[in-house]
Amino acid sequence: MLVGHSYGADLIVHYAAENPDAVRELVLLDGANPIPAPFITRADLPEFLELWESSSTSGRVGLSGRQILELNLELDVLRSGIDLDIDVVGPGLIDRYRRIDIPISMIMSTSMAGHGRAGRTARHNRLWHAGVERLVRERPQTATTWLDATHALVVTHARQIARMIASSVRC
């Protein structure tokens, strides 16, 4: 079994798709979501860069704000299949799921981007839900659990998530 949170979930989905005999089960924690459109729009770029620049200068992150922005833009392309620079639509992450024939459990936050009901927060949360719905339509055997949490669910709901993972282990 492989367990991954956020970008780590994306990485294990890619690994399982490329190495079908190496993994028996995936548990994805608030990541590896085949969202139907990128989170970050062109209009968002300056604000996100400023946000991540302030995070990187606070000493909490070992990357520059520019590096964090570039990583998130790359992640948007991998998940959605849409590149803001060239407007190309490709298969995105959903194609990787089509190559996986093992049990997958998703533990997802209901408010990935926070609890706000307007603007970017609401848009991101709608995209998050739409991505999971897209995956379940494509792959109905995917087990999905929603937690009333933000993307920090691995911290705020650690014990609950640990129990869920432990109970899903298939021997």
Protein backbone atom coordinates (compact mmCIF):
# COMPACT_ATOMS: atom_id res chain seq x y z
CA MET A 1 0.00 0.00 0.00
CA LEU A 2 1.18 3.49 -0.81
CA VAL A 3 -0.20 6.56 0.97
CA GLY A 4 0.38 10.10 -0.22
CA HIS A 5 -0.84 13.56 0.72
CA SER A 6 -1.27 16.45 -1.72
CA TYR A 7 1.50 16.34 -4.33
CA GLY A 8 2.68 13.07 -2.77
CA ALA A 9 -0.67 11.54 -3.77
CA ASP A 10 -0.07 12.65 -7.37
CA LEU A 11 3.38 11.07 -7.30
CA ILE A 12 2.11 7.68 -6.14
CA VAL A 13 -0.65 7.67 -8.79
CA HIS A 14 2.01 8.28 -11.45
CA TYR A 15 4.18 5.55 -9.92
CA ALA A 16 1.31 3.02 -9.81
CA ALA A 17 0.40 3.78 -13.43
CA GLU A 18 3.99 3.17 -14.56
CA ASN A 19 4.62 0.16 -12.28
CA PRO A 20 1.34 -1.80 -12.21
CA ASP A 21 2.78 -4.85 -10.45
CA ALA A 22 4.60 -2.91 -7.73
CA VAL A 23 1.62 -1.60 -5.75
CA ARG A 24 -1.46 -3.36 -4.34
CA GLU A 25 -3.44 -0.36 -3.08
CA LEU A 26 -3.37 3.44 -3.03
CA VAL A 27 -4.63 5.80 -0.34
CA LEU A 28 -4.77 9.38 -1.56
CA LEU A 29 -5.04 12.17 0.99
CA ASP A 30 -6.37 15.38 -0.53
CA GLY A 31 -4.37 15.09 -3.72
CA ALA A 32 -4.15 13.35 -7.11
CA ASN A 33 -7.39 15.02 -8.06
CA PRO A 34 -8.11 15.13 -11.82
CA ILE A 35 -9.55 18.64 -11.66
CA PRO A 36 -11.36 19.79 -14.83
CA ALA A 37 -9.52 23.15 -15.02
CA PRO A 38 -6.37 24.65 -13.50
CA PHE A 39 -6.70 26.25 -10.07
CA ILE A 40 -4.43 29.14 -10.99
CA THR A 41 -5.67 31.44 -13.72
CA ARG A 42 -3.58 34.11 -15.45
CA ALA A 43 -5.30 36.77 -13.35
CA ASP A 44 -4.22 34.90 -10.19
CA LEU A 45 -0.50 34.83 -11.01
CA PRO A 46 0.60 38.08 -9.30
CA GLU A 47 -1.39 37.42 -6.13
CA PHE A 48 -0.19 33.80 -5.84
CA LEU A 49 3.40 34.85 -6.44
CA GLU A 50 3.11 37.46 -3.69
CA LEU A 51 1.53 34.92 -1.33
CA TRP A 52 4.24 32.35 -1.91
CA GLU A 53 7.04 34.94 -1.77
CA SER A 54 5.85 35.89 1.71
CA SER A 55 5.67 32.20 2.71
CA SER A 56 9.18 31.53 1.45
CA THR A 57 10.68 34.55 3.23
CA SER A 58 9.06 33.56 6.53
CA GLY A 59 11.35 30.54 6.68
CA ARG A 60 8.52 28.00 6.56
CA VAL A 61 9.35 26.77 3.07
CA GLY A 62 12.72 25.89 1.53
CA LEU A 63 11.72 27.12 -1.94
CA SER A 64 11.42 30.60 -3.41
CA GLY A 65 7.99 32.02 -4.15
CA ARG A 66 8.71 31.70 -7.88
CA GLN A 67 9.62 28.01 -7.44
CA ILE A 68 6.43 27.34 -5.48
CA LEU A 69 4.36 29.09 -8.17
CA GLU A 70 6.07 27.09 -10.94
CA LEU A 71 5.50 23.84 -9.06
CA ASN A 72 1.81 24.65 -8.63
CA LEU A 73 1.43 25.60 -12.29
CA GLU A 74 3.06 22.30 -13.27
CA LEU A 75 0.76 20.44 -10.91
CA ASP A 76 -2.26 22.17 -12.48
CA VAL A 77 -1.16 20.95 -15.94
CA LEU A 78 -0.58 17.41 -14.66
CA ARG A 79 -3.94 17.26 -12.94
CA SER A 80 -6.16 19.04 -15.45
CA GLY A 81 -4.30 18.54 -18.73
CA ILE A 82 -4.56 22.27 -19.45
CA ASP A 83 -1.52 24.52 -19.82
CA LEU A 84 -2.21 28.24 -19.34
CA ASP A 85 0.72 29.23 -21.56
CA ILE A 86 -0.30 27.30 -24.65
CA ASP A 87 -3.96 26.46 -23.92
CA VAL A 88 -3.38 22.81 -24.76
CA VAL A 89 -5.84 20.32 -23.42
CA GLY A 90 -4.47 16.84 -22.87
CA PRO A 91 -5.57 13.84 -20.85
CA GLY A 92 -4.10 15.00 -17.56
CA LEU A 93 -4.19 12.83 -14.47
CA ILE A 94 -7.36 10.99 -15.51
CA ASP A 95 -5.26 9.12 -18.08
CA ARG A 96 -3.02 7.76 -15.32
CA TYR A 97 -6.03 6.47 -13.43
CA ARG A 98 -7.13 4.53 -16.51
CA ARG A 99 -3.92 2.49 -16.25
CA ILE A 100 -4.43 1.51 -12.61
CA ASP A 101 -6.30 -1.65 -11.71
CA ILE A 102 -5.89 -1.77 -7.93
CA PRO A 103 -8.04 -0.49 -5.06
CA ILE A 104 -7.89 3.26 -4.58
CA SER A 105 -9.21 5.10 -1.54
CA MET A 106 -9.43 8.87 -1.46
CA ILE A 107 -9.72 10.87 1.75
CA MET A 108 -10.57 14.39 0.65
CA SER A 109 -11.24 17.71 2.36
CA THR A 110 -14.60 19.37 1.77
CA SER A 111 -12.97 22.82 1.85
CA MET A 112 -9.58 22.26 0.26
CA ALA A 113 -8.98 25.97 -0.28
CA GLY A 114 -10.53 27.13 2.99
CA HIS A 115 -14.03 27.73 4.26
CA GLY A 116 -14.80 30.89 2.26
CA ARG A 117 -17.86 30.87 0.05
CA ALA A 118 -16.82 33.49 -2.47
CA GLY A 119 -14.16 34.31 -5.04
CA ARG A 120 -11.12 32.12 -5.56
CA THR A 121 -11.78 30.00 -2.47
CA ALA A 122 -15.22 28.99 -3.68
CA ARG A 123 -13.92 28.35 -7.21
CA HIS A 124 -11.11 26.11 -5.92
CA ASN A 125 -13.46 24.14 -3.69
CA ARG A 126 -15.89 23.65 -6.62
CA LEU A 127 -13.03 22.43 -8.84
CA TRP A 128 -11.88 20.07 -6.08
CA HIS A 129 -15.32 18.48 -5.82
CA ALA A 130 -15.72 18.36 -9.61
CA GLY A 131 -12.40 16.54 -9.99
CA VAL A 132 -13.40 13.81 -7.54
CA GLU A 133 -16.82 13.50 -9.20
CA ARG A 134 -15.05 13.17 -12.57
CA LEU A 135 -12.84 10.39 -11.24
CA VAL A 136 -15.72 8.49 -9.66
CA ARG A 137 -17.67 8.67 -12.94
CA GLU A 138 -14.63 7.30 -14.77
CA ARG A 139 -13.68 4.80 -12.07
CA PRO A 140 -16.75 4.05 -9.90
CA GLN A 141 -14.89 1.54 -7.74
CA THR A 142 -12.84 4.39 -6.22
CA ALA A 143 -13.70 4.67 -2.52
CA THR A 144 -14.10 8.30 -1.47
CA THR A 145 -14.42 9.75 2.01
CA TRP A 146 -14.98 13.48 2.54
CA LEU A 147 -13.79 15.12 5.76
CA ASP A 148 -15.07 18.50 6.91
CA ALA A 149 -11.61 20.01 6.75
CA THR A 150 -9.21 22.14 4.76
CA HIS A 151 -6.09 20.93 2.96
CA ALA A 152 -4.44 20.76 6.39
CA LEU A 153 -6.52 17.66 7.17
CA VAL A 154 -3.41 15.54 7.77
CA VAL A 155 -2.72 17.76 10.78
CA THR A 156 -6.26 18.61 11.92
CA HIS A 157 -7.63 15.07 11.46
CA ALA A 158 -4.47 12.97 11.88
CA ARG A 159 -5.89 10.35 14.26
CA GLN A 160 -9.07 9.89 12.24
CA ILE A 161 -7.08 9.51 9.03
CA ALA A 162 -4.67 7.05 10.66
CA ARG A 163 -7.62 4.91 11.81
CA MET A 164 -9.12 5.03 8.32
CA ILE A 165 -5.86 3.95 6.71
CA ALA A 166 -5.30 1.19 9.26
CA SER A 167 -8.82 -0.17 8.70
CA SER A 168 -8.36 -0.23 4.93
CA VAL A 169 -5.20 -2.34 4.95
CA ARG A 170 -5.84 -5.49 2.95
CA CYS A 171 -3.73 -8.42 4.11
